[in-house]
C-alpha atoms as a PDB file:
ATOM      1  CA  MET A   1      -0.025   0.048  -0.229  1.00  0.00           C
ATOM      2  CA  SER A   2       2.686   2.235   0.858  1.00  0.00           C
ATOM      3  CA  TRP A   3       4.067   1.720  -2.690  1.00  0.00           C
ATOM      4  CA  LEU A   4       0.808   3.046  -4.215  1.00  0.00           C
ATOM      5  CA  ILE A   5       0.606   6.411  -2.284  1.00  0.00           C
ATOM      6  CA  HIS A   6       4.110   7.285  -3.200  1.00  0.00           C
ATOM      7  CA  LYS A   7       3.342   6.617  -6.978  1.00  0.00           C
ATOM      8  CA  ILE A   8       0.092   9.121  -6.355  1.00  0.00           C
ATOM      9  CA  THR A   9       1.693  11.870  -4.416  1.00  0.00           C
ATOM     10  CA  ASN A  10       4.367  11.479  -7.373  1.00  0.00           C
ATOM     11  CA  ASN A  11       2.051  12.191  -9.942  1.00  0.00           C
ATOM     12  CA  LEU A  12       0.263  14.802  -8.118  1.00  0.00           C
ATOM     13  CA  VAL A  13       3.596  16.505  -7.713  1.00  0.00           C
ATOM     14  CA  GLN A  14       4.928  16.072 -11.596  1.00  0.00           C
ATOM     15  CA  LEU A  15       1.023  17.757 -12.000  1.00  0.00           C
ATOM     16  CA  SER A  16       1.743  20.620 -10.363  1.00  0.00           C
ATOM     17  CA  GLN A  17       5.044  20.838 -11.760  1.00  0.00           C
ATOM     18  CA  SER A  18       3.266  20.859 -14.920  1.00  0.00           C
ATOM     19  CA  LEU A  19       0.980  23.018 -14.530  1.00  0.00           C
ATOM     20  CA  ILE A  20       2.834  25.845 -12.848  1.00  0.00           C
ATOM     21  CA  VAL A  21       4.439  26.569 -16.454  1.00  0.00           C
ATOM     22  CA  TYR A  22       1.115  28.147 -17.254  1.00  0.00           C
ATOM     23  CA  GLY A  23       1.415  30.708 -14.906  1.00  0.00           C
ATOM     24  CA  PRO A  24      -2.436  32.390 -14.010  1.00  0.00           C
ATOM     25  CA  PHE A  25      -4.121  29.625 -15.968  1.00  0.00           C
ATOM     26  CA  GLY A  26      -2.314  26.856 -14.477  1.00  0.00           C
ATOM     27  CA  LEU A  27      -2.334  28.018 -10.880  1.00  0.00           C
ATOM     28  CA  PHE A  28      -6.729  28.733 -11.523  1.00  0.00           C
ATOM     29  CA  ALA A  29      -6.238  24.478 -12.273  1.00  0.00           C
ATOM     30  CA  ILE A  30      -4.009  23.703  -9.137  1.00  0.00           C
ATOM     31  CA  ALA A  31      -6.680  26.069  -6.933  1.00  0.00           C
ATOM     32  CA  LEU A  32      -9.445  23.923  -8.927  1.00  0.00           C
ATOM     33  CA  LEU A  33      -8.220  20.344  -8.250  1.00  0.00           C
ATOM     34  CA  ASP A  34      -6.753  21.129  -4.616  1.00  0.00           C
ATOM     35  CA  SER A  35     -10.219  22.717  -3.448  1.00  0.00           C
ATOM     36  CA  ALA A  36     -12.749  20.045  -5.572  1.00  0.00           C
ATOM     37  CA  PHE A  37     -10.928  16.574  -5.278  1.00  0.00           C
ATOM     38  CA  VAL A  38      -7.596  15.468  -3.602  1.00  0.00           C
ATOM     39  CA  PRO A  39      -5.247  18.353  -2.189  1.00  0.00           C
ATOM     40  CA  LEU A  40      -2.375  18.749  -4.406  1.00  0.00           C
ATOM     41  CA  PRO A  41       1.813  18.987  -2.660  1.00  0.00           C
ATOM     42  CA  GLY A  42       2.061  22.053  -1.677  1.00  0.00           C
ATOM     43  CA  GLY A  43      -1.636  23.140  -3.292  1.00  0.00           C
ATOM     44  CA  PRO A  44      -1.996  26.785  -4.559  1.00  0.00           C
ATOM     45  CA  ASP A  45      -0.762  28.708  -1.617  1.00  0.00           C
ATOM     46  CA  ALA A  46       2.743  27.297  -2.143  1.00  0.00           C
ATOM     47  CA  VAL A  47       2.322  28.137  -6.124  1.00  0.00           C
ATOM     48  CA  MET A  48       0.368  31.721  -5.348  1.00  0.00           C
ATOM     49  CA  MET A  49       3.585  32.539  -3.396  1.00  0.00           C
ATOM     50  CA  LEU A  50       6.550  30.939  -5.540  1.00  0.00           C
ATOM     51  CA  LEU A  51       4.584  32.448  -8.799  1.00  0.00           C
ATOM     52  CA  ALA A  52       4.422  36.052  -6.863  1.00  0.00           C
ATOM     53  CA  ALA A  53       7.991  36.232  -6.029  1.00  0.00           C
ATOM     54  CA  ALA A  54       8.844  35.719  -9.673  1.00  0.00           C
ATOM     55  CA  ARG A  55       6.793  38.141 -10.926  1.00  0.00           C
ATOM     56  CA  PRO A  56       5.710  40.713  -8.390  1.00  0.00           C
ATOM     57  CA  ARG A  57       3.565  42.863 -10.863  1.00  0.00           C
ATOM     58  CA  TRP A  58       0.987  40.130 -11.540  1.00  0.00           C
ATOM     59  CA  THR A  59       0.245  39.085  -7.810  1.00  0.00           C
ATOM     60  CA  ILE A  60      -3.128  40.449  -8.187  1.00  0.00           C
ATOM     61  CA  LEU A  61      -3.807  39.058 -11.187  1.00  0.00           C
ATOM     62  CA  TYR A  62      -2.179  35.776  -9.658  1.00  0.00           C
ATOM     63  CA  ALA A  63      -4.264  36.182  -6.227  1.00  0.00           C
ATOM     64  CA  VAL A  64      -7.630  36.527  -8.742  1.00  0.00           C
ATOM     65  CA  ALA A  65      -6.850  33.086 -10.424  1.00  0.00           C
ATOM     66  CA  ALA A  66      -6.453  31.301  -7.181  1.00  0.00           C
ATOM     67  CA  THR A  67      -9.125  33.052  -5.752  1.00  0.00           C
ATOM     68  CA  LEU A  68     -11.672  31.736  -8.907  1.00  0.00           C
ATOM     69  CA  GLY A  69      -9.976  28.318  -9.028  1.00  0.00           C
ATOM     70  CA  SER A  70     -10.474  28.199  -5.468  1.00  0.00           C
ATOM     71  CA  VAL A  71     -14.195  28.796  -5.484  1.00  0.00           C
ATOM     72  CA  ALA A  72     -14.796  27.145  -8.855  1.00  0.00           C
ATOM     73  CA  GLY A  73     -13.309  23.809  -6.879  1.00  0.00           C
ATOM     74  CA  CYS A  74     -15.450  24.582  -3.937  1.00  0.00           C
ATOM     75  CA  ILE A  75     -18.792  25.153  -6.066  1.00  0.00           C
ATOM     76  CA  VAL A  76     -18.053  21.609  -7.605  1.00  0.00           C
ATOM     77  CA  LEU A  77     -17.536  19.657  -3.897  1.00  0.00           C
ATOM     78  CA  TYR A  78     -20.265  21.904  -2.760  1.00  0.00           C
ATOM     79  CA  TYR A  79     -23.007  20.033  -4.998  1.00  0.00           C
ATOM     80  CA  ILE A  80     -21.622  17.029  -4.663  1.00  0.00           C
ATOM     81  CA  SER A  81     -21.628  17.022  -1.192  1.00  0.00           C
ATOM     82  CA  ARG A  82     -25.792  18.478  -1.389  1.00  0.00           C
ATOM     83  CA  ARG A  83     -26.615  15.389  -3.647  1.00  0.00           C
ATOM     84  CA  VAL A  84     -24.981  13.182  -1.674  1.00  0.00           C
ATOM     85  CA  GLY A  85     -26.069  14.264   1.221  1.00  0.00           C
ATOM     86  CA  GLU A  86     -24.854  13.220   4.468  1.00  0.00           C
ATOM     87  CA  GLY A  87     -23.028  10.537   3.297  1.00  0.00           C
ATOM     88  CA  ALA A  88     -20.636  13.041   1.997  1.00  0.00           C
ATOM     89  CA  LEU A  89     -19.168  13.428   5.891  1.00  0.00           C
ATOM     90  CA  LYS A  90     -18.378   9.940   6.611  1.00  0.00           C
ATOM     91  CA  ARG A  91     -14.619  10.189   6.230  1.00  0.00           C
ATOM     92  CA  PHE A  92     -15.128  12.943   9.150  1.00  0.00           C
ATOM     93  CA  SER A  93     -15.435  12.306  12.659  1.00  0.00           C
ATOM     94  CA  PRO A  94     -18.349  12.650  14.551  1.00  0.00           C
ATOM     95  CA  ALA A  95     -16.859  14.804  16.737  1.00  0.00           C
ATOM     96  CA  LYS A  96     -16.084  17.151  14.029  1.00  0.00           C
ATOM     97  CA  GLN A  97     -19.226  16.827  11.856  1.00  0.00           C
ATOM     98  CA  ALA A  98     -20.851  18.139  15.430  1.00  0.00           C
ATOM     99  CA  ARG A  99     -18.566  20.791  15.745  1.00  0.00           C
ATOM    100  CA  VAL A 100     -18.838  22.586  12.262  1.00  0.00           C
ATOM    101  CA  LYS A 101     -22.382  21.604  11.992  1.00  0.00           C
ATOM    102  CA  SER A 102     -22.925  23.872  15.373  1.00  0.00           C
ATOM    103  CA  LEU A 103     -20.828  26.520  14.471  1.00  0.00           C
ATOM    104  CA  MET A 104     -22.951  27.309  10.831  1.00  0.00           C
ATOM    105  CA  ASP A 105     -26.074  26.818  12.645  1.00  0.00           C
ATOM    106  CA  ARG A 106     -24.871  29.836  14.759  1.00  0.00           C
ATOM    107  CA  TYR A 107     -22.708  31.839  12.662  1.00  0.00           C
ATOM    108  CA  ASP A 108     -24.187  30.741   9.040  1.00  0.00           C
ATOM    109  CA  VAL A 109     -22.002  31.795   6.242  1.00  0.00           C
ATOM    110  CA  LEU A 110     -19.523  33.831   8.293  1.00  0.00           C
ATOM    111  CA  ALA A 111     -18.152  30.354   9.441  1.00  0.00           C
ATOM    112  CA  VAL A 112     -17.049  29.415   6.357  1.00  0.00           C
ATOM    113  CA  LEU A 113     -15.479  32.656   5.376  1.00  0.00           C
ATOM    114  CA  VAL A 114     -13.589  32.356   8.699  1.00  0.00           C
ATOM    115  CA  ALA A 115     -13.002  28.671   7.378  1.00  0.00           C
ATOM    116  CA  SER A 116     -11.305  30.082   4.170  1.00  0.00           C
ATOM    117  CA  ILE A 117      -8.883  32.664   5.744  1.00  0.00           C
ATOM    118  CA  LEU A 118      -7.521  30.247   8.571  1.00  0.00           C
ATOM    119  CA  PRO A 119      -4.433  28.477   7.427  1.00  0.00           C
ATOM    120  CA  PRO A 120      -4.286  24.217   7.469  1.00  0.00           C
ATOM    121  CA  PRO A 121      -4.654  22.118   9.589  1.00  0.00           C
ATOM    122  CA  PHE A 122      -7.876  23.960   9.773  1.00  0.00           C
ATOM    123  CA  PRO A 123     -10.414  21.396   8.282  1.00  0.00           C
ATOM    124  CA  PHE A 124     -11.730  23.976   5.442  1.00  0.00           C
ATOM    125  CA  LYS A 125     -13.006  21.013   3.270  1.00  0.00           C
ATOM    126  CA  LEU A 126     -15.227  19.650   5.971  1.00  0.00           C
ATOM    127  CA  PHE A 127     -17.170  23.198   6.079  1.00  0.00           C
ATOM    128  CA  VAL A 128     -17.441  23.229   2.086  1.00  0.00           C
ATOM    129  CA  VAL A 129     -18.984  19.678   2.311  1.00  0.00           C
ATOM    130  CA  THR A 130     -21.131  20.802   5.605  1.00  0.00           C
ATOM    131  CA  ALA A 131     -22.477  23.995   3.190  1.00  0.00           C
ATOM    132  CA  GLY A 132     -23.371  21.475   0.854  1.00  0.00           C
ATOM    133  CA  VAL A 133     -25.445  18.846   2.879  1.00  0.00           C
ATOM    134  CA  LEU A 134     -26.545  21.640   5.016  1.00  0.00           C
ATOM    135  CA  ARG A 135     -27.882  23.585   1.283  1.00  0.00           C
ATOM    136  CA  LEU A 136     -26.353  26.649   2.404  1.00  0.00           C
ATOM    137  CA  ASN A 137     -27.656  29.614   0.388  1.00  0.00           C
ATOM    138  CA  ILE A 138     -25.193  28.954  -2.853  1.00  0.00           C
ATOM    139  CA  LEU A 139     -24.636  32.812  -3.376  1.00  0.00           C
ATOM    140  CA  ARG A 140     -23.904  33.455  -0.021  1.00  0.00           C
ATOM    141  CA  PHE A 141     -21.458  30.606   0.159  1.00  0.00           C
ATOM    142  CA  VAL A 142     -19.643  31.570  -3.005  1.00  0.00           C
ATOM    143  CA  LEU A 143     -19.180  35.336  -1.793  1.00  0.00           C
ATOM    144  CA  ALA A 144     -17.990  33.701   2.074  1.00  0.00           C
ATOM    145  CA  ILE A 145     -15.392  31.405   0.024  1.00  0.00           C
ATOM    146  CA  ALA A 146     -14.478  34.141  -2.702  1.00  0.00           C
ATOM    147  CA  ALA A 147     -13.650  37.049   0.093  1.00  0.00           C
ATOM    148  CA  GLY A 148     -11.482  34.838   2.204  1.00  0.00           C
ATOM    149  CA  ARG A 149      -9.534  33.163  -0.401  1.00  0.00           C
ATOM    150  CA  PHE A 150      -8.385  36.599  -1.832  1.00  0.00           C
ATOM    151  CA  PHE A 151      -7.645  38.325   1.454  1.00  0.00           C
ATOM    152  CA  ARG A 152      -5.575  34.392   2.044  1.00  0.00           C
ATOM    153  CA  PHE A 153      -3.717  34.570  -1.805  1.00  0.00           C
ATOM    154  CA  LEU A 154      -3.447  38.561  -1.609  1.00  0.00           C
ATOM    155  CA  LEU A 155      -1.850  38.317   1.750  1.00  0.00           C
ATOM    156  CA  GLU A 156       0.375  35.584   0.404  1.00  0.00           C
ATOM    157  CA  GLY A 157       1.517  37.157  -2.947  1.00  0.00           C
ATOM    158  CA  TYR A 158       2.076  40.484  -1.201  1.00  0.00           C
ATOM    159  CA  LEU A 159       4.672  38.856   1.369  1.00  0.00           C
ATOM    160  CA  ALA A 160       6.108  36.931  -1.540  1.00  0.00           C
ATOM    161  CA  ALA A 161       6.439  39.780  -3.999  1.00  0.00           C
ATOM    162  CA  CYS A 162       8.109  42.316  -1.078  1.00  0.00           C
ATOM    163  CA  TYR A 163      10.259  39.302   1.295  1.00  0.00           C
ATOM    164  CA  GLY A 164      11.330  36.847  -1.310  1.00  0.00           C
ATOM    165  CA  GLU A 165      12.208  33.008  -0.192  1.00  0.00           C
ATOM    166  CA  ARG A 166      11.948  34.693   3.543  1.00  0.00           C
ATOM    167  CA  ALA A 167       8.308  34.673   3.097  1.00  0.00           C
ATOM    168  CA  ARG A 168       6.852  31.374   3.530  1.00  0.00           C
ATOM    169  CA  ASP A 169       9.039  31.721   6.913  1.00  0.00           C
ATOM    170  CA  LEU A 170       7.307  35.226   7.670  1.00  0.00           C
ATOM    171  CA  LEU A 171       3.963  33.701   7.046  1.00  0.00           C
ATOM    172  CA  ALA A 172       4.254  30.477   9.043  1.00  0.00           C
ATOM    173  CA  GLU A 173       5.306  32.954  11.888  1.00  0.00           C
ATOM    174  CA  HIS A 174       2.906  35.277  11.599  1.00  0.00           C
ATOM    175  CA  TYR A 175      -0.091  33.843   9.335  1.00  0.00           C
ATOM    176  CA  PRO A 176      -1.901  31.880  12.107  1.00  0.00           C
ATOM    177  CA  THR A 177      -1.513  35.162  14.626  1.00  0.00           C
ATOM    178  CA  ILE A 178      -3.209  37.167  11.516  1.00  0.00           C
ATOM    179  CA  GLY A 179      -5.604  34.475  10.893  1.00  0.00           C
ATOM    180  CA  ILE A 180      -6.904  34.514  13.983  1.00  0.00           C
ATOM    181  CA  SER A 181      -7.139  37.733  14.926  1.00  0.00           C
ATOM    182  CA  LEU A 182      -9.487  38.238  11.792  1.00  0.00           C
ATOM    183  CA  ALA A 183     -11.496  35.476  12.531  1.00  0.00           C
ATOM    184  CA  VAL A 184     -12.335  36.920  16.074  1.00  0.00           C
ATOM    185  CA  LEU A 185     -13.011  40.478  14.386  1.00  0.00           C
ATOM    186  CA  LEU A 186     -14.911  38.295  11.973  1.00  0.00           C
ATOM    187  CA  ILE A 187     -17.543  37.183  14.587  1.00  0.00           C
ATOM    188  CA  ALA A 188     -17.254  40.065  16.954  1.00  0.00           C
ATOM    189  CA  LEU A 189     -18.710  41.566  14.586  1.00  0.00           C
ATOM    190  CA  PHE A 190     -21.328  39.479  13.277  1.00  0.00           C
ATOM    191  CA  VAL A 191     -22.105  39.430  17.205  1.00  0.00           C
ATOM    192  CA  GLY A 192     -22.357  43.177  17.554  1.00  0.00           C
ATOM    193  CA  ARG A 193     -24.528  43.323  14.635  1.00  0.00           C
ATOM    194  CA  ASN A 194     -26.973  40.834  16.069  1.00  0.00           C
ATOM    195  CA  LEU A 195     -27.285  42.507  19.306  1.00  0.00           C
ATOM    196  CA  LEU A 196     -28.103  45.813  17.899  1.00  0.00           C
ATOM    197  CA  TRP A 197     -30.411  44.058  15.652  1.00  0.00           C
ATOM    198  CA  ARG A 198     -32.276  42.812  18.786  1.00  0.00           C
ATOM    199  CA  GLU A 199     -31.982  46.265  20.265  1.00  0.00           C
ATOM    200  CA  ARG A 200     -33.820  48.060  17.400  1.00  0.00           C
ATOM    201  CA  THR A 201     -36.408  45.136  17.057  1.00  0.00           C
ATOM    202  CA  GLY A 202     -37.264  44.819  20.838  1.00  0.00           C
ATOM    203  CA  ILE A 203     -36.543  41.107  20.538  1.00  0.00           C
ATOM    204  CA  GLN A 204     -35.498  39.731  23.785  1.00  0.00           C
ATOM    205  CA  TYR A 205     -34.210  35.802  24.865  1.00  0.00           C
END
């Protein structure tokens, strides 16, 4: 079995390397495949940084391409999960399923937005699958994914364009803090908006 896993990994590495030469189009394809099906080695994040470091002026273009690919892949996974239903969640532990469902019941599309920003090993795909199973509104789902992924890819590209090879170390050191801080800010804004709405409408709980 180990030789099979090794062979599959090598094939995925070769696929990523062959797509990189196509610039933003290759990045789009890598992001789509990574989001919809099996994660590619390095994934779109590493490729985004590699391309932005090589051509800093194209950073925004690369971020847009990566975002569009990721959104397209998430839409594919969303509709597959929506069609399959609860069976799509079987590969995730019951505890993780319950936790994510609870977050989405409480924060709705905001949970997807936060998940799309946070770095691995945060289980982003579980949120996408759960969104499909719960039949989350597709427009709000797409907007949340697009906003979160664009922020993430643009930040990666900016660091790579400014700091080159040092960018990966800077990202590893600071991105978790940035991502979590932004997630806390978004949740605080969401809670504050709800409290304000309840106060204005006079709803009591």
